[in-house]
N, C-alpha and C. Protein backbone atom coordinates (compact mmCIF):
# COMPACT_ATOMS: atom_id res chain seq x y z
N MET A 1 82.67 123.00 93.77
CA MET A 1 82.92 121.80 94.55
C MET A 1 83.40 122.22 95.94
N SER A 2 82.72 121.75 96.98
CA SER A 2 83.12 122.09 98.34
C SER A 2 84.23 121.16 98.81
N ILE A 3 84.83 121.51 99.93
CA ILE A 3 85.91 120.69 100.47
C ILE A 3 85.43 119.27 100.76
N ASN A 4 84.18 119.10 101.21
CA ASN A 4 83.64 117.77 101.48
C ASN A 4 83.54 116.94 100.21
N ASP A 5 83.23 117.58 99.10
CA ASP A 5 83.14 116.87 97.83
C ASP A 5 84.51 116.38 97.35
N GLN A 6 85.56 116.98 97.86
CA GLN A 6 86.91 116.61 97.46
C GLN A 6 87.56 115.62 98.43
N ALA A 7 86.86 115.22 99.46
CA ALA A 7 87.45 114.40 100.51
C ALA A 7 87.99 113.07 100.01
N LEU A 8 87.31 112.44 99.06
CA LEU A 8 87.74 111.13 98.58
C LEU A 8 88.50 111.21 97.25
N GLU A 9 88.79 112.42 96.81
CA GLU A 9 89.50 112.57 95.54
C GLU A 9 90.83 111.81 95.53
N PRO A 10 91.66 111.89 96.59
CA PRO A 10 92.91 111.12 96.59
C PRO A 10 92.65 109.61 96.54
N LEU A 11 91.59 109.14 97.18
CA LEU A 11 91.24 107.72 97.13
C LEU A 11 90.91 107.31 95.70
N GLY A 12 90.17 108.14 95.00
CA GLY A 12 89.84 107.87 93.61
C GLY A 12 91.08 107.85 92.73
N ASP A 13 91.98 108.80 92.96
CA ASP A 13 93.23 108.84 92.20
C ASP A 13 94.06 107.58 92.46
N ASN A 14 94.12 107.17 93.72
CA ASN A 14 94.87 105.96 94.08
C ASN A 14 94.26 104.72 93.43
N LEU A 15 92.94 104.66 93.40
CA LEU A 15 92.26 103.54 92.77
C LEU A 15 92.61 103.46 91.29
N ARG A 16 92.55 104.57 90.60
CA ARG A 16 92.87 104.61 89.17
C ARG A 16 94.32 104.17 88.94
N THR A 17 95.24 104.68 89.75
CA THR A 17 96.65 104.32 89.61
C THR A 17 96.86 102.82 89.85
N ALA A 18 96.24 102.28 90.90
CA ALA A 18 96.38 100.86 91.21
C ALA A 18 95.76 99.99 90.12
N ARG A 19 94.61 100.39 89.62
CA ARG A 19 93.95 99.63 88.54
C ARG A 19 94.87 99.52 87.34
N LYS A 20 95.47 100.64 86.96
CA LYS A 20 96.34 100.65 85.78
C LYS A 20 97.64 99.87 86.03
N LYS A 21 98.11 99.86 87.27
CA LYS A 21 99.34 99.14 87.60
C LYS A 21 99.12 97.63 87.64
N TYR A 22 98.07 97.20 88.35
CA TYR A 22 97.86 95.77 88.59
C TYR A 22 97.05 95.07 87.50
N PHE A 23 96.26 95.83 86.77
CA PHE A 23 95.45 95.26 85.68
C PHE A 23 95.58 96.15 84.44
N PRO A 24 96.79 96.26 83.89
CA PRO A 24 97.02 97.20 82.79
C PRO A 24 96.23 96.89 81.51
N MET A 25 95.79 95.66 81.36
CA MET A 25 95.04 95.30 80.16
C MET A 25 93.53 95.57 80.31
N ASP A 26 93.08 95.84 81.54
CA ASP A 26 91.66 96.11 81.78
C ASP A 26 91.30 97.54 81.39
N ASP A 27 90.22 97.68 80.64
CA ASP A 27 89.64 99.00 80.46
C ASP A 27 88.66 99.20 81.62
N LEU A 28 87.98 100.34 81.65
CA LEU A 28 87.04 100.61 82.75
C LEU A 28 85.98 99.52 82.87
N GLN A 29 85.42 99.11 81.75
CA GLN A 29 84.36 98.10 81.77
C GLN A 29 84.87 96.78 82.34
N ALA A 30 86.03 96.33 81.92
CA ALA A 30 86.59 95.05 82.39
C ALA A 30 86.87 95.09 83.89
N PHE A 31 87.45 96.18 84.36
CA PHE A 31 87.75 96.26 85.79
C PHE A 31 86.47 96.41 86.61
N ALA A 32 85.51 97.13 86.08
CA ALA A 32 84.22 97.27 86.76
C ALA A 32 83.59 95.89 86.97
N LEU A 33 83.61 95.06 85.93
CA LEU A 33 83.09 93.70 86.05
C LEU A 33 83.88 92.89 87.08
N ARG A 34 85.18 93.08 87.09
CA ARG A 34 86.06 92.37 88.01
C ARG A 34 85.70 92.68 89.47
N ILE A 35 85.32 93.93 89.75
CA ILE A 35 85.00 94.31 91.13
C ILE A 35 83.50 94.31 91.43
N GLY A 36 82.70 93.98 90.43
CA GLY A 36 81.27 93.83 90.65
C GLY A 36 80.46 95.10 90.71
N VAL A 37 80.89 96.10 89.93
CA VAL A 37 80.14 97.36 89.85
C VAL A 37 79.93 97.71 88.39
N SER A 38 79.09 98.70 88.14
CA SER A 38 78.90 99.16 86.77
C SER A 38 80.07 100.06 86.36
N ARG A 39 80.21 100.25 85.07
CA ARG A 39 81.25 101.14 84.56
C ARG A 39 81.05 102.56 85.10
N ALA A 40 79.80 103.00 85.16
CA ALA A 40 79.49 104.33 85.66
C ALA A 40 79.90 104.48 87.13
N THR A 41 79.67 103.42 87.92
CA THR A 41 80.06 103.46 89.33
C THR A 41 81.57 103.54 89.46
N LEU A 42 82.29 102.76 88.67
CA LEU A 42 83.75 102.81 88.70
C LEU A 42 84.25 104.20 88.31
N GLN A 43 83.63 104.81 87.33
CA GLN A 43 84.02 106.17 86.95
C GLN A 43 83.83 107.13 88.12
N ARG A 44 82.71 106.99 88.83
CA ARG A 44 82.46 107.84 90.00
C ARG A 44 83.48 107.55 91.09
N MET A 45 83.82 106.28 91.28
CA MET A 45 84.81 105.92 92.30
C MET A 45 86.16 106.56 91.99
N GLU A 46 86.55 106.53 90.73
CA GLU A 46 87.85 107.09 90.35
C GLU A 46 87.87 108.61 90.42
N LYS A 47 86.71 109.22 90.56
CA LYS A 47 86.62 110.66 90.80
C LYS A 47 86.53 110.96 92.29
N GLY A 48 86.40 109.91 93.12
CA GLY A 48 86.26 110.11 94.56
C GLY A 48 84.87 110.56 94.95
N ASP A 49 83.87 110.15 94.21
CA ASP A 49 82.48 110.54 94.45
C ASP A 49 82.01 110.03 95.81
N LEU A 50 81.52 110.94 96.64
CA LEU A 50 81.05 110.60 97.99
C LEU A 50 79.78 109.76 97.99
N SER A 51 79.08 109.68 96.85
CA SER A 51 77.84 108.92 96.82
C SER A 51 78.09 107.41 96.72
N VAL A 52 79.32 107.01 96.42
CA VAL A 52 79.66 105.59 96.32
C VAL A 52 80.02 105.08 97.71
N SER A 53 79.43 103.96 98.10
CA SER A 53 79.67 103.45 99.46
C SER A 53 81.12 103.00 99.63
N ILE A 54 81.60 103.10 100.85
CA ILE A 54 82.96 102.67 101.16
C ILE A 54 83.12 101.18 100.90
N GLY A 55 82.03 100.43 100.97
CA GLY A 55 82.07 99.00 100.68
C GLY A 55 82.50 98.73 99.25
N ARG A 56 82.12 99.58 98.33
CA ARG A 56 82.53 99.42 96.93
C ARG A 56 84.05 99.65 96.79
N TYR A 57 84.54 100.65 97.51
CA TYR A 57 85.99 100.89 97.50
C TYR A 57 86.72 99.70 98.11
N TYR A 58 86.14 99.10 99.15
CA TYR A 58 86.76 97.93 99.78
C TYR A 58 86.80 96.76 98.81
N GLN A 59 85.71 96.56 98.05
CA GLN A 59 85.69 95.50 97.04
C GLN A 59 86.84 95.68 96.06
N ALA A 60 87.04 96.90 95.61
CA ALA A 60 88.13 97.18 94.67
C ALA A 60 89.48 96.90 95.33
N ALA A 61 89.62 97.31 96.59
CA ALA A 61 90.87 97.08 97.31
C ALA A 61 91.17 95.58 97.44
N GLN A 62 90.14 94.78 97.68
CA GLN A 62 90.32 93.33 97.78
C GLN A 62 90.83 92.75 96.47
N VAL A 63 90.22 93.14 95.38
CA VAL A 63 90.63 92.63 94.07
C VAL A 63 92.07 93.05 93.77
N LEU A 64 92.44 94.24 94.20
CA LEU A 64 93.78 94.75 93.96
C LEU A 64 94.80 94.22 94.98
N GLY A 65 94.33 93.52 96.00
CA GLY A 65 95.22 93.03 97.05
C GLY A 65 95.68 94.12 97.99
N LEU A 66 94.86 95.16 98.12
CA LEU A 66 95.22 96.32 98.93
C LEU A 66 94.25 96.55 100.09
N GLU A 67 93.59 95.48 100.56
CA GLU A 67 92.57 95.66 101.59
C GLU A 67 93.14 95.89 102.99
N GLN A 68 94.38 95.52 103.25
CA GLN A 68 94.95 95.66 104.58
C GLN A 68 94.89 97.09 105.14
N PRO A 69 95.17 98.12 104.35
CA PRO A 69 95.10 99.47 104.90
C PRO A 69 93.71 99.87 105.41
N PHE A 70 92.66 99.21 104.94
CA PHE A 70 91.32 99.54 105.44
C PHE A 70 91.20 99.28 106.93
N ALA A 71 91.94 98.32 107.45
CA ALA A 71 91.90 98.02 108.88
C ALA A 71 92.44 99.20 109.70
N GLN A 72 93.19 100.07 109.08
CA GLN A 72 93.78 101.21 109.78
C GLN A 72 92.92 102.48 109.71
N LEU A 73 91.87 102.46 108.90
CA LEU A 73 91.01 103.63 108.79
C LEU A 73 90.37 103.95 110.15
N LEU A 74 90.39 105.19 110.51
CA LEU A 74 89.77 105.71 111.72
C LEU A 74 90.37 105.14 113.01
N LYS A 75 91.51 104.51 112.91
CA LYS A 75 92.18 103.98 114.10
C LYS A 75 92.99 105.10 114.72
N PRO A 76 92.66 105.45 115.98
CA PRO A 76 93.41 106.55 116.60
C PRO A 76 94.85 106.12 116.89
N PRO A 77 95.76 107.07 116.80
CA PRO A 77 97.15 106.73 117.08
C PRO A 77 97.33 106.40 118.57
N VAL A 78 98.27 105.54 118.86
CA VAL A 78 98.57 105.15 120.24
C VAL A 78 99.68 106.08 120.73
N SER A 79 99.48 106.61 121.95
CA SER A 79 100.50 107.47 122.52
C SER A 79 101.13 106.79 123.73
N LEU A 80 102.21 107.32 124.21
CA LEU A 80 102.88 106.78 125.38
C LEU A 80 102.01 106.87 126.64
N PHE A 81 101.01 107.75 126.61
CA PHE A 81 100.16 107.97 127.78
C PHE A 81 98.90 107.13 127.79
N ASP A 82 98.69 106.32 126.75
CA ASP A 82 97.51 105.45 126.69
C ASP A 82 97.72 104.25 127.61
N ASP A 83 96.63 103.78 128.16
CA ASP A 83 96.73 102.59 129.04
C ASP A 83 96.79 101.34 128.24
């Protein structure tokens, strides 16, 4: 596994943790249905698979009530020297 293949691994771990926290009664199949993906896709998401579109992760974040941090992705930090 190359470093690029591991880039979304923390995102997948966070997704799994949030799923279990906010929907503890859902198994993989139930949560997959809740977010509109297949069970196999959810399994790939929870592994941080780069082949899954970021839109699928956003769908999961919306269901979990965690979509706000997506607005901060790729936002450069503001410095005192910025206009």
